[in-house]
Amino acid sequence: MFMLDKRLATDTEPVTDWPLCRVRLMRDANYPWLILVPARDGARHLHELPAADQAQAMAEISRASAALETLHNPFKINVAALGNVVDQLHIHVIARFETDAAWPGPVWGVQPTLDYSADELAETIGKLRQVLD
C-alpha cells in the first residue's frame, strides 16, 4: 500500500493525482517547484520501476515541465531525482530563471525557504490545477 514519506508530506502540498504520480507543490515560494511521487510502495529509484511505469514517469515529468513553462515562462526546467535525504522515489521539477538567487547552481541550500501566505498558496495551487488537470 502506497504511503507518502512524512518529510514529503510536511514539505509539500497536494495538487493533483495522475495515473502514476502524486503531484505536489514544494512549500518554497522562492521557486516554482513541483514534486512528483510515483505511487508505488517501496520505490526508491527510477530504474527499479517496471518499464511501463518508467515511460509513464517520463510522460508525467514532461507534463509537469510543460505546465511550469505555461505558467512561468522560465529560462530552464530542472528535473532531478536525488533522494539523498528522502529515500522514497520523488522527482523534482523546478522552473529556473537567470535572475533567481541560486542561478546557475542547484536550488538546495542557497537561501532560506520562503513560505507561501495562505492566499498565495491557494492561488498557486488553483493555477497549477488549471494547467495540470
C-alpha atoms as a PDB file:
ATOM      1  CA  MET A   1       0.000   0.000   0.000  1.00  0.00           C
ATOM      2  CA  PHE A   2       1.440   3.380  -1.028  1.00  0.00           C
ATOM      3  CA  MET A   3       2.159   5.855   1.749  1.00  0.00           C
ATOM      4  CA  LEU A   4       3.753   9.258   1.276  1.00  0.00           C
ATOM      5  CA  ASP A   5       7.002   9.815   3.178  1.00  0.00           C
ATOM      6  CA  LYS A   6       6.429  12.028   6.227  1.00  0.00           C
ATOM      7  CA  ARG A   7       9.033  14.580   5.181  1.00  0.00           C
ATOM      8  CA  LEU A   8       7.472  14.921   1.715  1.00  0.00           C
ATOM      9  CA  ALA A   9       4.075  15.341   3.349  1.00  0.00           C
ATOM     10  CA  THR A  10       5.488  18.091   5.579  1.00  0.00           C
ATOM     11  CA  ASP A  11       7.458  19.932   2.875  1.00  0.00           C
ATOM     12  CA  THR A  12       4.823  19.839   0.114  1.00  0.00           C
ATOM     13  CA  GLU A  13       1.158  20.493  -0.611  1.00  0.00           C
ATOM     14  CA  PRO A  14      -1.053  18.187  -2.685  1.00  0.00           C
ATOM     15  CA  VAL A  15      -2.021  19.494  -6.115  1.00  0.00           C
ATOM     16  CA  THR A  16      -3.445  16.549  -8.065  1.00  0.00           C
ATOM     17  CA  ASP A  17      -3.053  12.827  -8.690  1.00  0.00           C
ATOM     18  CA  TRP A  18      -2.036  11.430 -12.057  1.00  0.00           C
ATOM     19  CA  PRO A  19      -2.013   7.806 -13.214  1.00  0.00           C
ATOM     20  CA  LEU A  20       1.443   7.177 -11.702  1.00  0.00           C
ATOM     21  CA  CYS A  21       2.455  10.175  -9.623  1.00  0.00           C
ATOM     22  CA  ARG A  22       1.070  12.242  -6.842  1.00  0.00           C
ATOM     23  CA  VAL A  23       1.768  15.840  -7.890  1.00  0.00           C
ATOM     24  CA  ARG A  24       2.751  18.112  -5.030  1.00  0.00           C
ATOM     25  CA  LEU A  25       3.907  21.714  -4.682  1.00  0.00           C
ATOM     26  CA  MET A  26       7.094  22.343  -2.733  1.00  0.00           C
ATOM     27  CA  ARG A  27       6.425  24.771   0.106  1.00  0.00           C
ATOM     28  CA  ASP A  28       9.085  27.203  -1.060  1.00  0.00           C
ATOM     29  CA  ALA A  29       7.863  30.300  -2.866  1.00  0.00           C
ATOM     30  CA  ASN A  30      11.419  31.115  -3.984  1.00  0.00           C
ATOM     31  CA  TYR A  31      10.964  28.794  -6.965  1.00  0.00           C
ATOM     32  CA  PRO A  32       8.031  27.307  -8.919  1.00  0.00           C
ATOM     33  CA  TRP A  33       8.723  23.741  -7.775  1.00  0.00           C
ATOM     34  CA  LEU A  34       6.734  20.560  -8.220  1.00  0.00           C
ATOM     35  CA  ILE A  35       7.435  17.185  -6.674  1.00  0.00           C
ATOM     36  CA  LEU A  36       6.193  14.077  -8.483  1.00  0.00           C
ATOM     37  CA  VAL A  37       5.912  11.000  -6.280  1.00  0.00           C
ATOM     38  CA  PRO A  38       5.267   7.701  -8.065  1.00  0.00           C
ATOM     39  CA  ALA A  39       2.571   5.923  -6.060  1.00  0.00           C
ATOM     40  CA  ARG A  40       4.450   2.654  -5.888  1.00  0.00           C
ATOM     41  CA  ASP A  41       5.119   1.124  -2.496  1.00  0.00           C
ATOM     42  CA  GLY A  42       8.820   0.801  -1.770  1.00  0.00           C
ATOM     43  CA  ALA A  43      10.003   2.624  -4.927  1.00  0.00           C
ATOM     44  CA  ARG A  44      13.424   4.183  -4.338  1.00  0.00           C
ATOM     45  CA  HIS A  45      14.965   4.604  -7.820  1.00  0.00           C
ATOM     46  CA  LEU A  46      13.611   5.278 -11.306  1.00  0.00           C
ATOM     47  CA  HIS A  47      15.403   2.264 -12.757  1.00  0.00           C
ATOM     48  CA  GLU A  48      13.590  -0.023 -10.303  1.00  0.00           C
ATOM     49  CA  LEU A  49      10.194   0.824 -11.774  1.00  0.00           C
ATOM     50  CA  PRO A  50       8.748  -1.528 -14.386  1.00  0.00           C
ATOM     51  CA  ALA A  51       9.275  -0.316 -17.959  1.00  0.00           C
ATOM     52  CA  ALA A  52       5.675   0.858 -18.303  1.00  0.00           C
ATOM     53  CA  ASP A  53       5.971   2.928 -15.114  1.00  0.00           C
ATOM     54  CA  GLN A  54       9.280   4.383 -16.305  1.00  0.00           C
ATOM     55  CA  ALA A  55       7.611   5.523 -19.518  1.00  0.00           C
ATOM     56  CA  GLN A  56       4.655   6.930 -17.562  1.00  0.00           C
ATOM     57  CA  ALA A  57       7.038   8.764 -15.209  1.00  0.00           C
ATOM     58  CA  MET A  58       8.759  10.411 -18.177  1.00  0.00           C
ATOM     59  CA  ALA A  59       5.404  11.430 -19.651  1.00  0.00           C
ATOM     60  CA  GLU A  60       4.342  12.935 -16.333  1.00  0.00           C
ATOM     61  CA  ILE A  61       7.680  14.756 -15.915  1.00  0.00           C
ATOM     62  CA  SER A  62       7.135  16.257 -19.379  1.00  0.00           C
ATOM     63  CA  ARG A  63       3.577  17.217 -18.484  1.00  0.00           C
ATOM     64  CA  ALA A  64       4.700  18.929 -15.256  1.00  0.00           C
ATOM     65  CA  SER A  65       7.517  20.704 -17.116  1.00  0.00           C
ATOM     66  CA  ALA A  66       5.122  21.999 -19.764  1.00  0.00           C
ATOM     67  CA  ALA A  67       2.747  23.268 -17.080  1.00  0.00           C
ATOM     68  CA  LEU A  68       5.526  25.215 -15.345  1.00  0.00           C
ATOM     69  CA  GLU A  69       6.565  26.660 -18.717  1.00  0.00           C
ATOM     70  CA  THR A  70       2.994  27.738 -19.405  1.00  0.00           C
ATOM     71  CA  LEU A  71       2.601  29.421 -16.028  1.00  0.00           C
ATOM     72  CA  HIS A  72       6.060  30.933 -15.550  1.00  0.00           C
ATOM     73  CA  ASN A  73       7.970  31.097 -18.856  1.00  0.00           C
ATOM     74  CA  PRO A  74      11.252  30.034 -17.190  1.00  0.00           C
ATOM     75  CA  PHE A  75      14.684  30.041 -18.798  1.00  0.00           C
ATOM     76  CA  LYS A  76      15.156  26.351 -17.873  1.00  0.00           C
ATOM     77  CA  ILE A  77      13.325  23.487 -16.234  1.00  0.00           C
ATOM     78  CA  ASN A  78      15.439  21.425 -13.833  1.00  0.00           C
ATOM     79  CA  VAL A  79      14.481  17.794 -13.260  1.00  0.00           C
ATOM     80  CA  ALA A  80      16.137  15.736 -10.531  1.00  0.00           C
ATOM     81  CA  ALA A  81      15.551  12.518  -8.614  1.00  0.00           C
ATOM     82  CA  LEU A  82      18.148  12.768  -5.863  1.00  0.00           C
ATOM     83  CA  GLY A  83      16.687  11.022  -2.829  1.00  0.00           C
ATOM     84  CA  ASN A  84      19.695  11.596  -0.600  1.00  0.00           C
ATOM     85  CA  VAL A  85      17.566  12.799   2.328  1.00  0.00           C
ATOM     86  CA  VAL A  86      14.178  11.248   1.489  1.00  0.00           C
ATOM     87  CA  ASP A  87      14.520   7.619   0.458  1.00  0.00           C
ATOM     88  CA  GLN A  88      11.129   7.433  -1.271  1.00  0.00           C
ATOM     89  CA  LEU A  89      11.346   7.982  -5.029  1.00  0.00           C
ATOM     90  CA  HIS A  90      10.332  11.527  -5.876  1.00  0.00           C
ATOM     91  CA  ILE A  91      11.169  13.763  -8.797  1.00  0.00           C
ATOM     92  CA  HIS A  92      11.814  17.496  -8.522  1.00  0.00           C
ATOM     93  CA  VAL A  93      10.584  19.623 -11.427  1.00  0.00           C
ATOM     94  CA  ILE A  94      11.729  23.207 -10.906  1.00  0.00           C
ATOM     95  CA  ALA A  95      11.248  26.300 -13.062  1.00  0.00           C
ATOM     96  CA  ARG A  96      14.511  28.262 -13.144  1.00  0.00           C
ATOM     97  CA  PHE A  97      15.329  31.815 -14.101  1.00  0.00           C
ATOM     98  CA  GLU A  98      18.625  33.562 -14.728  1.00  0.00           C
ATOM     99  CA  THR A  99      17.501  36.043 -12.062  1.00  0.00           C
ATOM    100  CA  ASP A 100      16.804  33.528  -9.274  1.00  0.00           C
ATOM    101  CA  ALA A 101      19.091  33.567  -6.237  1.00  0.00           C
ATOM    102  CA  ALA A 102      20.572  30.138  -6.941  1.00  0.00           C
ATOM    103  CA  TRP A 103      21.274  30.650 -10.642  1.00  0.00           C
ATOM    104  CA  PRO A 104      23.097  28.894 -12.271  1.00  0.00           C
ATOM    105  CA  GLY A 105      23.642  26.350  -9.483  1.00  0.00           C
ATOM    106  CA  PRO A 106      21.188  23.991  -7.806  1.00  0.00           C
ATOM    107  CA  VAL A 107      18.474  25.446  -5.580  1.00  0.00           C
ATOM    108  CA  TRP A 108      19.269  23.406  -2.473  1.00  0.00           C
ATOM    109  CA  GLY A 109      20.699  25.335   0.465  1.00  0.00           C
ATOM    110  CA  VAL A 110      21.170  28.647  -1.313  1.00  0.00           C
ATOM    111  CA  GLN A 111      18.581  30.638   0.583  1.00  0.00           C
ATOM    112  CA  PRO A 112      16.092  30.030   3.368  1.00  0.00           C
ATOM    113  CA  THR A 113      12.725  28.587   2.428  1.00  0.00           C
ATOM    114  CA  LEU A 114      10.182  31.288   1.657  1.00  0.00           C
ATOM    115  CA  ASP A 115       6.744  30.324   2.940  1.00  0.00           C
ATOM    116  CA  TYR A 116       3.669  30.974   0.851  1.00  0.00           C
ATOM    117  CA  SER A 117       0.971  33.019   2.544  1.00  0.00           C
ATOM    118  CA  ALA A 118      -2.337  31.153   2.795  1.00  0.00           C
ATOM    119  CA  ASP A 119      -3.741  33.226  -0.082  1.00  0.00           C
ATOM    120  CA  GLU A 120      -0.627  32.745  -2.255  1.00  0.00           C
ATOM    121  CA  LEU A 121      -0.690  29.013  -1.623  1.00  0.00           C
ATOM    122  CA  ALA A 122      -4.353  28.692  -2.565  1.00  0.00           C
ATOM    123  CA  GLU A 123      -3.874  30.833  -5.690  1.00  0.00           C
ATOM    124  CA  THR A 124      -0.753  28.920  -6.780  1.00  0.00           C
ATOM    125  CA  ILE A 125      -2.395  25.531  -6.326  1.00  0.00           C
ATOM    126  CA  GLY A 126      -5.500  26.752  -8.165  1.00  0.00           C
ATOM    127  CA  LYS A 127      -3.453  27.905 -11.157  1.00  0.00           C
ATOM    128  CA  LEU A 128      -1.481  24.663 -11.178  1.00  0.00           C
ATOM    129  CA  ARG A 129      -4.654  22.578 -11.155  1.00  0.00           C
ATOM    130  CA  GLN A 130      -5.981  24.533 -14.138  1.00  0.00           C
ATOM    131  CA  VAL A 131      -2.951  23.637 -16.274  1.00  0.00           C
ATOM    132  CA  LEU A 132      -2.227  20.185 -14.829  1.00  0.00           C
ATOM    133  CA  ASP A 133      -5.707  18.638 -14.963  1.00  0.00           C
END
